N, C-alpha and C. Protein backbone atom coordinates (compact mmCIF):
# COMPACT_ATOMS: atom_id res chain seq x y z
N MET A 1 15.31 23.43 -29.27
CA MET A 1 15.78 21.84 -29.27
C MET A 1 14.60 21.68 -28.26
N PRO A 2 14.52 20.63 -27.61
CA PRO A 2 14.10 20.25 -26.05
C PRO A 2 15.28 19.21 -25.60
N SER A 3 15.26 19.93 -24.04
CA SER A 3 16.31 19.01 -23.85
C SER A 3 16.44 17.80 -23.50
N GLY A 4 15.63 16.83 -23.64
CA GLY A 4 15.57 15.14 -23.98
C GLY A 4 16.18 15.01 -25.03
N ILE A 5 16.04 15.53 -26.09
CA ILE A 5 16.57 15.09 -27.59
C ILE A 5 17.84 15.52 -27.52
N LYS A 6 17.95 16.74 -26.88
CA LYS A 6 19.77 17.41 -26.64
C LYS A 6 20.44 16.05 -25.78
N ALA A 7 19.82 15.74 -24.95
CA ALA A 7 20.61 14.35 -23.76
C ALA A 7 21.08 13.53 -24.73
N ILE A 8 20.02 12.92 -25.73
CA ILE A 8 20.22 11.94 -26.25
C ILE A 8 21.32 12.04 -27.04
N LEU A 9 21.04 13.34 -27.67
CA LEU A 9 22.14 13.57 -28.93
C LEU A 9 23.06 13.37 -28.48
N SER A 10 23.52 14.43 -27.53
CA SER A 10 25.12 14.34 -26.32
C SER A 10 25.41 12.82 -26.12
N LEU A 11 24.74 12.37 -25.50
CA LEU A 11 25.33 10.83 -25.46
C LEU A 11 25.79 9.93 -26.76
N ILE A 12 24.69 10.05 -27.85
CA ILE A 12 25.05 9.18 -28.76
C ILE A 12 26.77 9.93 -29.72
N VAL A 13 26.54 11.17 -29.35
CA VAL A 13 28.28 11.95 -30.00
C VAL A 13 29.30 11.43 -29.33
N LEU A 14 29.00 11.42 -27.85
CA LEU A 14 30.21 10.87 -26.90
C LEU A 14 30.18 9.61 -26.61
N ILE A 15 29.59 8.93 -27.06
CA ILE A 15 29.69 7.29 -27.31
C ILE A 15 30.58 7.24 -28.76
N VAL A 16 30.19 7.53 -29.82
CA VAL A 16 30.62 7.79 -30.74
C VAL A 16 32.18 8.34 -30.73
N GLY A 17 32.46 9.40 -30.14
CA GLY A 17 33.65 9.83 -30.11
C GLY A 17 34.61 8.60 -29.32
N GLY A 18 33.88 8.17 -28.04
CA GLY A 18 34.85 7.29 -27.47
C GLY A 18 35.06 6.01 -28.15
N VAL A 19 34.26 5.55 -29.03
CA VAL A 19 34.39 4.47 -30.03
C VAL A 19 35.47 4.79 -31.08
N ILE A 20 35.61 5.73 -31.38
CA ILE A 20 36.36 6.21 -32.48
C ILE A 20 37.93 6.45 -31.53
N TYR A 21 37.81 6.93 -30.72
CA TYR A 21 38.81 7.03 -29.79
C TYR A 21 39.73 5.63 -29.58
N TRP A 22 38.94 4.53 -29.03
CA TRP A 22 39.56 3.33 -29.14
C TRP A 22 39.89 2.61 -30.40
N TYR A 23 39.28 2.87 -31.85
CA TYR A 23 39.23 2.22 -32.60
C TYR A 23 40.87 3.07 -32.94
N ASP A 24 41.18 4.33 -32.73
CA ASP A 24 42.35 4.86 -33.36
C ASP A 24 43.30 4.32 -32.22
N SER A 25 43.27 4.17 -31.11
CA SER A 25 44.20 3.57 -30.11
C SER A 25 44.43 2.42 -30.52
N GLN A 26 43.81 1.58 -30.65
CA GLN A 26 44.06 -0.10 -30.92
C GLN A 26 45.20 0.34 -32.51
N SER A 27 44.38 1.18 -33.11
CA SER A 27 45.52 0.82 -34.76
C SER A 27 46.60 1.92 -34.47
N GLY A 28 47.07 2.14 -33.53
CA GLY A 28 48.46 3.08 -32.60
C GLY A 28 48.51 4.75 -33.09
N ASN A 29 47.31 5.19 -33.44
CA ASN A 29 47.58 6.47 -34.00
C ASN A 29 46.56 6.88 -32.40
N GLU A 30 46.99 7.10 -31.33
CA GLU A 30 46.27 7.68 -30.15
C GLU A 30 45.97 8.91 -30.73
N GLN A 31 47.04 10.15 -31.01
CA GLN A 31 46.56 11.78 -30.96
C GLN A 31 45.68 11.99 -32.26
N LEU A 32 45.32 10.99 -33.18
CA LEU A 32 44.00 11.11 -33.68
C LEU A 32 42.71 10.97 -33.09
N GLY A 33 42.89 10.01 -32.14
CA GLY A 33 41.74 9.49 -31.47
C GLY A 33 41.33 10.73 -30.05
N LEU A 34 42.72 11.39 -29.47
CA LEU A 34 42.44 12.47 -28.47
C LEU A 34 41.71 13.55 -29.69
N VAL A 35 42.44 13.86 -30.81
CA VAL A 35 41.28 14.75 -31.66
C VAL A 35 39.81 14.43 -31.68
N SER A 36 39.71 13.44 -31.80
CA SER A 36 38.08 13.14 -31.89
C SER A 36 37.39 13.09 -30.69
N VAL A 37 37.77 12.82 -29.72
CA VAL A 37 37.39 13.08 -28.48
C VAL A 37 37.25 14.72 -28.08
N GLY A 38 38.15 15.30 -28.55
CA GLY A 38 38.48 16.74 -28.21
C GLY A 38 36.63 17.16 -29.25
N LEU A 39 36.87 17.02 -30.19
CA LEU A 39 36.23 17.66 -31.20
C LEU A 39 34.34 16.93 -30.25
N SER A 40 34.42 15.54 -30.44
CA SER A 40 33.25 15.07 -29.49
C SER A 40 32.66 16.06 -28.33
N VAL A 41 33.70 16.53 -27.56
CA VAL A 41 33.44 17.30 -26.54
C VAL A 41 32.84 18.94 -27.01
N PHE A 42 33.75 19.12 -27.80
CA PHE A 42 33.31 20.51 -28.08
C PHE A 42 31.94 20.64 -28.75
N MET A 43 31.48 19.57 -29.63
CA MET A 43 30.56 19.53 -30.17
C MET A 43 28.92 19.71 -29.07
N VAL A 44 29.08 18.78 -28.23
CA VAL A 44 28.17 18.68 -26.91
C VAL A 44 28.09 20.00 -26.32
N LEU A 45 28.93 20.38 -25.92
CA LEU A 45 29.08 21.55 -25.05
C LEU A 45 28.90 22.98 -25.82
N ALA A 46 29.23 23.03 -27.21
CA ALA A 46 28.62 24.39 -28.21
C ALA A 46 26.91 23.87 -28.25
N MET A 47 26.36 22.34 -28.14
CA MET A 47 25.09 22.42 -28.61
C MET A 47 24.06 22.93 -27.32
N TRP A 48 24.93 22.57 -26.06
CA TRP A 48 24.20 23.26 -24.82
C TRP A 48 24.81 24.68 -24.73
N ILE A 49 25.44 25.21 -25.02
CA ILE A 49 25.83 26.56 -24.62
C ILE A 49 25.04 27.60 -25.66
N PHE A 50 25.21 27.56 -27.10
CA PHE A 50 24.83 28.42 -28.10
C PHE A 50 22.99 28.35 -28.45
N PRO A 51 22.41 29.26 -28.45
CA PRO A 51 20.85 28.88 -28.69
C PRO A 51 20.66 28.87 -30.09
N GLU A 52 19.69 28.25 -30.36
CA GLU A 52 19.27 28.15 -31.67
C GLU A 52 18.69 29.06 -32.29
N THR A 53 18.87 29.31 -33.43
CA THR A 53 18.58 30.55 -34.28
C THR A 53 17.12 30.33 -34.28
N GLY A 54 16.35 31.17 -34.62
CA GLY A 54 15.40 31.27 -35.30
C GLY A 54 14.89 32.76 -35.89
N SER A 55 13.63 32.67 -36.31
CA SER A 55 13.14 33.71 -37.02
C SER A 55 12.03 34.66 -36.14
N ARG A 56 12.47 35.87 -36.42
CA ARG A 56 11.89 36.84 -35.71
C ARG A 56 10.25 37.07 -35.96
N LYS A 57 9.23 37.44 -35.22
CA LYS A 57 7.91 37.48 -36.11
C LYS A 57 8.02 39.25 -36.13
N GLY A 58 7.58 39.26 -37.63
CA GLY A 58 7.27 40.24 -38.05
C GLY A 58 8.47 41.30 -39.15
N SER A 59 9.42 40.18 -38.81
CA SER A 59 10.77 40.95 -40.04
C SER A 59 10.50 40.23 -41.30
N LYS A 60 10.87 40.55 -42.05
CA LYS A 60 10.88 40.19 -43.49
C LYS A 60 12.32 39.98 -43.99
């Protein structure tokens, strides 16, 4: 995946995680919001750290 697309997707995921945290903390469930933020950060880190899988040429 190109770096530009990864950056845009990372930004979207972090914004959604922040909005979910805000919504959950306004509802009085701050722990669930922290879980949402943690998962968002984990997803972004995993996307940047782990490479994409691809097919090898010549293998069946």
